[in-house]
Structure formats: C-alpha cells, structure tokens
Amino acid sequence: MSSVHRLLITGAAGEVGSALREGLRGHFPFLRLTDNRDLGEAIEGEELVQADLMDFDAVRRALEGVDAVIHLGGIANEHTYERLRDVNIDGTYNVLEAARQAGVQRLAFASSIHTVGFYPRSEQIGTDVPVRPDTYYGVSKVFGEALGRMYFERYGMEFVSVRICSFQDMPKDARHLSTWFSPRDTVQMFEKAVTVPSVGFLVVAGISGNTRRWMTEDGWDVLGYVPQDNAETYAAEVEHIHGAPEDITEQRQGGIFVDSSYTGLAGKEK
C-alpha cells in the first residue's frame, strides 16, 4: 500500500483507541479521531470529530479524504442483541460502506478472541478454524470479519482483522498469561495493519509474544509483526489468580464470556 498520510481511528476515546492515539502520534502526518464521547483537546496533527456510528451521514463525512481506517468503534463487551446489532453490526456496515464510497483502500478492524471463545484452552488454534463465538458480542465480530471479506472480494478494499485477546497495561490473572496484548504490541500491530503493502484479506491474533498463548502466529509474518512483550514476565505475580479449574470459564478461551449467565453491559448501560 502507498504511504498513509491521513489515518482515521474510530472509537478513539476508548482504551485501545487512547493507546493508539498516543502510540501513533507522529507516525502519520494527520490523524483524524472520532468517537461519540469526549476526545479532549486536539494537538498538532490531530483532528477530532464527534460521530455516532449509527449516523451514516456523520460517518461518511468522517471518512472523507482519509487513506486508511482503524475501526475500533463499538461496544467492547456483551450486551443485548438489539444494542449490539445497532452499534457493532450496523455501525460496522456504516464504516465499511462509507469507506468504500470515500475511496479508502485499507481498513484494520478490531475483532476479538470472542469470535472463537468456545475453543478449549488445551487447543492452540489458528485463524482459519471455524468460528465459535461465545456471546452476541462475539457474533457481532464474526459479522464484521465476514463483511470485511465481502468488501475485499467485491470492492478490493484490503481488510486486516485483529482478534484482540486481552488488551491490558499488564496481565491481571492467569488467563492473561495466554491472552495478554500489551499497549506497545497493540500499537505496532495496528500500525502495520494499515501500512504494510498487499495484505489482501487477513485475520491475525492480537496478542503479545506470550509463551502460553492459545493462538498461533498465522499472518504475523505478512505484517512483519514482532511482539516485544511476553506475559510470562508476570507469571509469578498472577498465575495463582484464577477460578475453579472444573468451571467452563476456566476451560474455554473466552473466559467469563462463555458462562451462559454472563450478560456484560446488558441492563447496566443504555
């Protein structure tokens, strides 16, 4: 891909978005940051745009004149099906369709481990396994990947899906020894996802170089992604923090999301 001068990040007020905003500062001549929440004050090289993903016209305006998109916007947890449909499914369609109309050639998508959350922890999986979503949230990310595949095949828009596992400053429990995705590795992967030439359609595991990881390195070589962090550094501090081994949430990769009673933000957030 030709060099990216103008990069759009949706969901830029979120945890991952904030990390990318800071980590990518100065890496691109121009960053346009959108969210429906407060983005604070713009600094040199930034443009802040309030836009709701469900408002196609606002999304279309936000896409105008950009070279590539990192699409982080959406609900990052389980919720009601209706809410996830509106924000994560319809909102992702709005971003891809607006990007197509604006002539954008590359989009990096924040997908999730929850697309495959029901796989057992005893099995190391690649990105080509059948999806096994653990929640409506996971289904919304499966939809995003499928839509991205269609936009690549039908319209030639290159699409990189990063299945984010556990984005944290540092591991907080035993599960994170397998799933941790450090801020600096996250920044590296997303930067490469929008700048490396000729990726076509690609799905990669969004994790650091964890010794105990459950996902393979498939596609990392395409991006030239070389993780700098390994959760094993924190093993002595967190490996004792876990639930009962016989519980399904300790047996499957999706953790608490695989519990049939887990409802996430449903009932807690409008």
Protein backbone atom coordinates (compact mmCIF):
# COMPACT_ATOMS: atom_id res chain seq x y z
CA MET A 1 0.00 0.00 0.00
CA SER A 2 1.19 3.53 -0.70
CA SER A 3 2.17 5.55 2.33
CA VAL A 4 -0.68 6.56 4.61
CA HIS A 5 -0.83 10.32 5.17
CA ARG A 6 -4.31 10.64 6.64
CA LEU A 7 -5.43 7.96 9.11
CA LEU A 8 -8.84 7.74 10.75
CA ILE A 9 -9.33 5.97 14.09
CA THR A 10 -12.91 5.29 15.15
CA GLY A 11 -13.63 4.68 18.83
CA ALA A 12 -10.61 6.83 19.65
CA ALA A 13 -11.83 7.65 23.17
CA GLY A 14 -11.76 4.01 24.26
CA GLU A 15 -8.91 2.15 25.95
CA VAL A 16 -7.36 0.78 22.77
CA GLY A 17 -8.14 3.98 20.89
CA SER A 18 -6.42 6.10 23.52
CA ALA A 19 -3.35 3.87 23.36
CA LEU A 20 -3.21 4.13 19.58
CA ARG A 21 -3.75 7.88 19.67
CA GLU A 22 -0.71 8.24 21.90
CA GLY A 23 1.39 5.49 20.32
CA LEU A 24 0.83 6.56 16.71
CA ARG A 25 1.36 10.25 17.37
CA GLY A 26 3.94 11.49 14.89
CA HIS A 27 3.86 8.27 12.86
CA PHE A 28 1.38 9.74 10.39
CA PRO A 29 1.19 13.31 9.13
CA PHE A 30 -2.51 13.54 10.03
CA LEU A 31 -4.72 11.67 12.50
CA ARG A 32 -8.48 12.08 12.45
CA LEU A 33 -10.04 10.75 15.64
CA THR A 34 -13.74 10.02 16.02
CA ASP A 35 -16.00 8.89 18.84
CA ASN A 36 -19.40 9.73 20.25
CA ARG A 37 -17.66 10.52 23.55
CA ASP A 38 -15.41 13.37 24.59
CA LEU A 39 -11.99 13.21 22.93
CA GLY A 40 -10.44 16.03 24.95
CA GLU A 41 -8.28 18.62 23.23
CA ALA A 42 -6.66 18.18 19.83
CA ILE A 43 -2.91 18.61 19.47
CA GLU A 44 -0.96 19.41 16.34
CA GLY A 45 -1.56 16.85 13.62
CA GLU A 46 -4.91 15.75 15.05
CA GLU A 47 -8.48 16.47 14.06
CA LEU A 48 -11.27 15.49 16.44
CA VAL A 49 -14.69 14.61 15.04
CA GLN A 50 -17.71 13.61 17.10
CA ALA A 51 -19.60 10.97 15.15
CA ASP A 52 -22.07 8.28 16.11
CA LEU A 53 -21.52 5.01 14.26
CA MET A 54 -25.26 4.69 13.73
CA ASP A 55 -25.39 8.00 11.83
CA PHE A 56 -24.27 7.11 8.30
CA ASP A 57 -24.01 10.70 7.13
CA ALA A 58 -21.74 11.61 10.05
CA VAL A 59 -19.59 8.53 9.43
CA ARG A 60 -19.39 9.34 5.73
CA ARG A 61 -18.16 12.86 6.50
CA ALA A 62 -15.56 11.46 8.90
CA LEU A 63 -14.22 9.17 6.15
CA GLU A 64 -13.78 11.91 3.58
CA GLY A 65 -10.18 12.36 2.46
CA VAL A 66 -8.54 9.64 4.58
CA ASP A 67 -6.22 6.95 3.24
CA ALA A 68 -6.85 4.22 5.81
CA VAL A 69 -9.06 3.43 8.79
CA ILE A 70 -8.55 1.68 12.10
CA HIS A 71 -12.08 0.73 13.14
CA LEU A 72 -12.21 0.31 16.91
CA GLY A 73 -15.61 1.90 17.48
CA GLY A 74 -18.37 -0.17 19.05
CA ILE A 75 -19.42 -1.89 22.24
CA ALA A 76 -16.49 -3.90 23.60
CA ASN A 77 -18.45 -6.27 25.80
CA GLU A 78 -21.56 -8.43 25.81
CA HIS A 79 -24.84 -6.51 25.65
CA THR A 80 -28.36 -7.14 24.40
CA TYR A 81 -28.60 -8.45 20.85
CA GLU A 82 -30.52 -5.33 19.81
CA ARG A 83 -27.89 -2.94 21.12
CA LEU A 84 -25.02 -4.90 19.56
CA ARG A 85 -26.90 -5.09 16.28
CA ASP A 86 -27.36 -1.32 16.20
CA VAL A 87 -23.80 -0.36 17.20
CA ASN A 88 -21.48 -3.21 16.25
CA ILE A 89 -23.24 -4.70 13.26
CA ASP A 90 -25.00 -1.75 11.62
CA GLY A 91 -22.23 0.61 12.78
CA THR A 92 -19.53 -1.54 11.19
CA TYR A 93 -21.52 -1.67 7.96
CA ASN A 94 -21.74 2.14 8.03
CA VAL A 95 -17.95 2.42 8.40
CA LEU A 96 -17.16 -0.03 5.59
CA GLU A 97 -19.72 1.39 3.21
CA ALA A 98 -18.66 4.96 3.94
CA ALA A 99 -15.04 3.91 3.42
CA ARG A 100 -15.93 2.37 0.06
CA GLN A 101 -17.75 5.49 -1.02
CA ALA A 102 -14.80 7.63 0.08
CA GLY A 103 -12.32 5.50 -1.88
CA VAL A 104 -10.47 4.19 1.18
CA GLN A 105 -8.25 1.25 0.25
CA ARG A 106 -7.36 -0.24 3.66
CA LEU A 107 -9.24 -0.91 6.88
CA ALA A 108 -7.98 -2.55 10.07
CA PHE A 109 -10.77 -3.98 12.21
CA ALA A 110 -10.77 -4.58 15.96
CA SER A 111 -12.13 -8.10 16.16
CA SER A 112 -11.93 -10.33 19.23
CA ILE A 113 -10.97 -13.63 20.78
CA HIS A 114 -14.69 -13.97 21.42
CA THR A 115 -15.20 -14.95 17.77
CA VAL A 116 -13.64 -18.26 18.83
CA GLY A 117 -14.23 -18.17 22.58
CA PHE A 118 -15.65 -21.68 22.91
CA TYR A 119 -12.44 -23.39 21.81
CA PRO A 120 -10.79 -25.27 24.69
CA ARG A 121 -7.67 -23.84 26.26
CA SER A 122 -5.97 -27.18 25.66
CA GLU A 123 -6.01 -26.48 21.90
CA GLN A 124 -3.80 -23.94 20.15
CA ILE A 125 -5.82 -22.57 17.26
CA GLY A 126 -5.02 -20.76 14.04
CA THR A 127 -7.08 -18.06 12.42
CA ASP A 128 -8.54 -20.45 9.85
CA VAL A 129 -10.57 -22.56 12.29
CA PRO A 130 -14.37 -22.42 12.17
CA VAL A 131 -15.69 -19.61 14.34
CA ARG A 132 -17.14 -20.49 17.75
CA PRO A 133 -18.49 -17.20 19.12
CA ASP A 134 -19.27 -17.18 22.83
CA THR A 135 -21.69 -14.22 23.00
CA TYR A 136 -23.76 -11.87 20.88
CA TYR A 137 -20.68 -9.65 21.11
CA GLY A 138 -18.59 -12.42 19.57
CA VAL A 139 -21.21 -12.85 16.83
CA SER A 140 -21.01 -9.12 16.06
CA LYS A 141 -17.26 -9.50 15.49
CA VAL A 142 -17.79 -12.56 13.28
CA PHE A 143 -20.15 -10.38 11.24
CA GLY A 144 -17.51 -7.66 10.95
CA GLU A 145 -14.96 -10.15 9.65
CA ALA A 146 -17.43 -11.60 7.14
CA LEU A 147 -18.42 -8.14 5.95
CA GLY A 148 -14.74 -7.24 5.57
CA ARG A 149 -14.20 -10.35 3.48
CA MET A 150 -17.05 -9.37 1.21
CA TYR A 151 -15.79 -5.78 0.81
CA PHE A 152 -12.35 -7.13 -0.12
CA GLU A 153 -13.66 -9.68 -2.62
CA ARG A 154 -16.32 -7.42 -4.11
CA TYR A 155 -14.69 -3.99 -3.98
CA GLY A 156 -10.97 -4.64 -3.47
CA MET A 157 -10.78 -2.90 -0.08
CA GLU A 158 -7.93 -4.54 1.84
CA PHE A 159 -9.00 -5.64 5.30
CA VAL A 160 -6.99 -6.78 8.32
CA SER A 161 -8.93 -8.25 11.24
CA VAL A 162 -7.06 -8.18 14.54
CA ARG A 163 -8.62 -10.61 17.02
CA ILE A 164 -7.79 -8.70 20.19
CA CYS A 165 -7.44 -11.07 23.12
CA SER A 166 -6.79 -9.17 26.39
CA PHE A 167 -5.67 -5.57 25.98
CA GLN A 168 -4.24 -4.56 29.37
CA ASP A 169 -1.37 -2.49 30.68
CA MET A 170 -0.15 -5.72 32.28
CA PRO A 171 -1.59 -9.18 32.96
CA LYS A 172 -4.04 -9.30 35.88
CA ASP A 173 -4.79 -13.02 36.17
CA ALA A 174 -3.69 -16.45 34.97
CA ARG A 175 -5.77 -16.29 31.77
CA HIS A 176 -3.86 -13.19 30.69
CA LEU A 177 -0.64 -15.22 30.65
CA SER A 178 -2.07 -16.64 27.42
CA THR A 179 -4.13 -13.72 26.09
CA TRP A 180 -2.27 -10.51 27.04
CA PHE A 181 -1.89 -7.89 24.30
CA SER A 182 0.37 -5.13 25.60
CA PRO A 183 -0.18 -1.50 24.58
CA ARG A 184 3.08 -1.26 22.63
CA ASP A 185 2.44 -4.52 20.79
CA THR A 186 -1.09 -3.31 20.02
CA VAL A 187 0.28 -0.08 18.57
CA GLN A 188 2.81 -2.00 16.47
CA MET A 189 0.26 -4.42 15.08
CA PHE A 190 -2.34 -1.83 14.13
CA GLU A 191 0.25 0.45 12.58
CA LYS A 192 1.48 -2.42 10.40
CA ALA A 193 -2.10 -3.43 9.62
CA VAL A 194 -2.69 -0.15 7.79
CA THR A 195 0.75 0.37 6.24
CA VAL A 196 2.20 -2.97 5.08
CA PRO A 197 1.66 -3.38 1.32
CA SER A 198 -0.54 -6.02 -0.32
CA VAL A 199 -2.17 -7.80 2.62
CA GLY A 200 -5.45 -8.56 0.87
CA PHE A 201 -7.81 -10.02 3.46
CA LEU A 202 -6.05 -11.14 6.63
CA VAL A 203 -7.08 -12.33 10.10
CA VAL A 204 -4.44 -12.29 12.85
CA ALA A 205 -4.36 -12.98 16.57
CA GLY A 206 -3.98 -9.79 18.58
CA ILE A 207 -1.68 -10.98 21.33
CA SER A 208 1.82 -10.37 22.60
CA GLY A 209 4.56 -12.98 22.33
CA ASN A 210 3.21 -14.93 25.27
CA THR A 211 4.85 -18.28 25.97
CA ARG A 212 1.46 -19.77 26.91
CA ARG A 213 -0.60 -18.27 24.06
CA TRP A 214 -3.53 -20.28 22.69
CA MET A 215 -3.43 -18.71 19.23
CA THR A 216 -0.83 -19.27 16.53
CA GLU A 217 1.29 -16.67 14.77
CA ASP A 218 -0.62 -17.06 11.49
CA GLY A 219 -0.30 -13.87 9.46
CA TRP A 220 2.23 -12.17 11.73
CA ASP A 221 4.87 -12.67 9.06
CA VAL A 222 2.68 -10.97 6.46
CA LEU A 223 2.50 -7.88 8.67
CA GLY A 224 6.08 -8.14 9.87
CA TYR A 225 4.73 -8.07 13.42
CA VAL A 226 7.37 -8.97 16.02
CA PRO A 227 5.94 -8.72 19.55
CA GLN A 228 8.09 -7.00 22.15
CA ASP A 229 6.33 -8.28 25.27
CA ASN A 230 5.66 -11.66 26.89
CA ALA A 231 3.16 -12.15 29.72
CA GLU A 232 5.47 -14.75 31.23
CA THR A 233 7.36 -11.83 32.78
CA TYR A 234 4.41 -11.51 35.18
CA ALA A 235 3.76 -15.22 35.77
CA ALA A 236 4.86 -15.31 39.40
CA GLU A 237 2.53 -12.42 40.21
CA VAL A 238 -0.67 -13.65 38.55
CA GLU A 239 -0.65 -17.38 37.80
CA HIS A 240 -2.39 -18.12 41.11
CA ILE A 241 -5.31 -15.80 40.22
CA HIS A 242 -7.97 -17.98 38.59
CA GLY A 243 -11.30 -19.65 39.19
CA ALA A 244 -12.17 -23.28 39.82
CA PRO A 245 -10.48 -25.49 37.20
CA GLU A 246 -13.66 -27.50 36.64
CA ASP A 247 -15.64 -24.39 35.70
CA ILE A 248 -16.26 -23.94 31.95
CA THR A 249 -14.99 -20.38 32.20
CA GLU A 250 -11.58 -21.81 33.11
CA GLN A 251 -11.67 -24.43 30.37
CA ARG A 252 -12.54 -22.31 27.34
CA GLN A 253 -10.56 -19.49 25.77
CA GLY A 254 -13.34 -16.91 26.11
CA GLY A 255 -13.22 -16.96 29.91
CA ILE A 256 -16.21 -15.45 31.70
CA PHE A 257 -17.92 -14.75 28.35
CA VAL A 258 -18.69 -18.49 27.89
CA ASP A 259 -20.85 -18.56 31.03
CA SER A 260 -24.48 -18.77 29.85
CA SER A 261 -25.49 -16.33 32.59
CA TYR A 262 -22.96 -13.65 31.56
CA THR A 263 -24.76 -10.56 30.22
CA GLY A 264 -21.96 -7.98 30.29
CA LEU A 265 -23.34 -4.47 29.94
CA ALA A 266 -26.94 -5.50 29.38
CA GLY A 267 -29.10 -3.72 31.93
CA LYS A 268 -26.16 -1.56 33.03
CA GLU A 269 -25.75 0.76 30.06
CA LYS A 270 -28.28 2.44 27.87
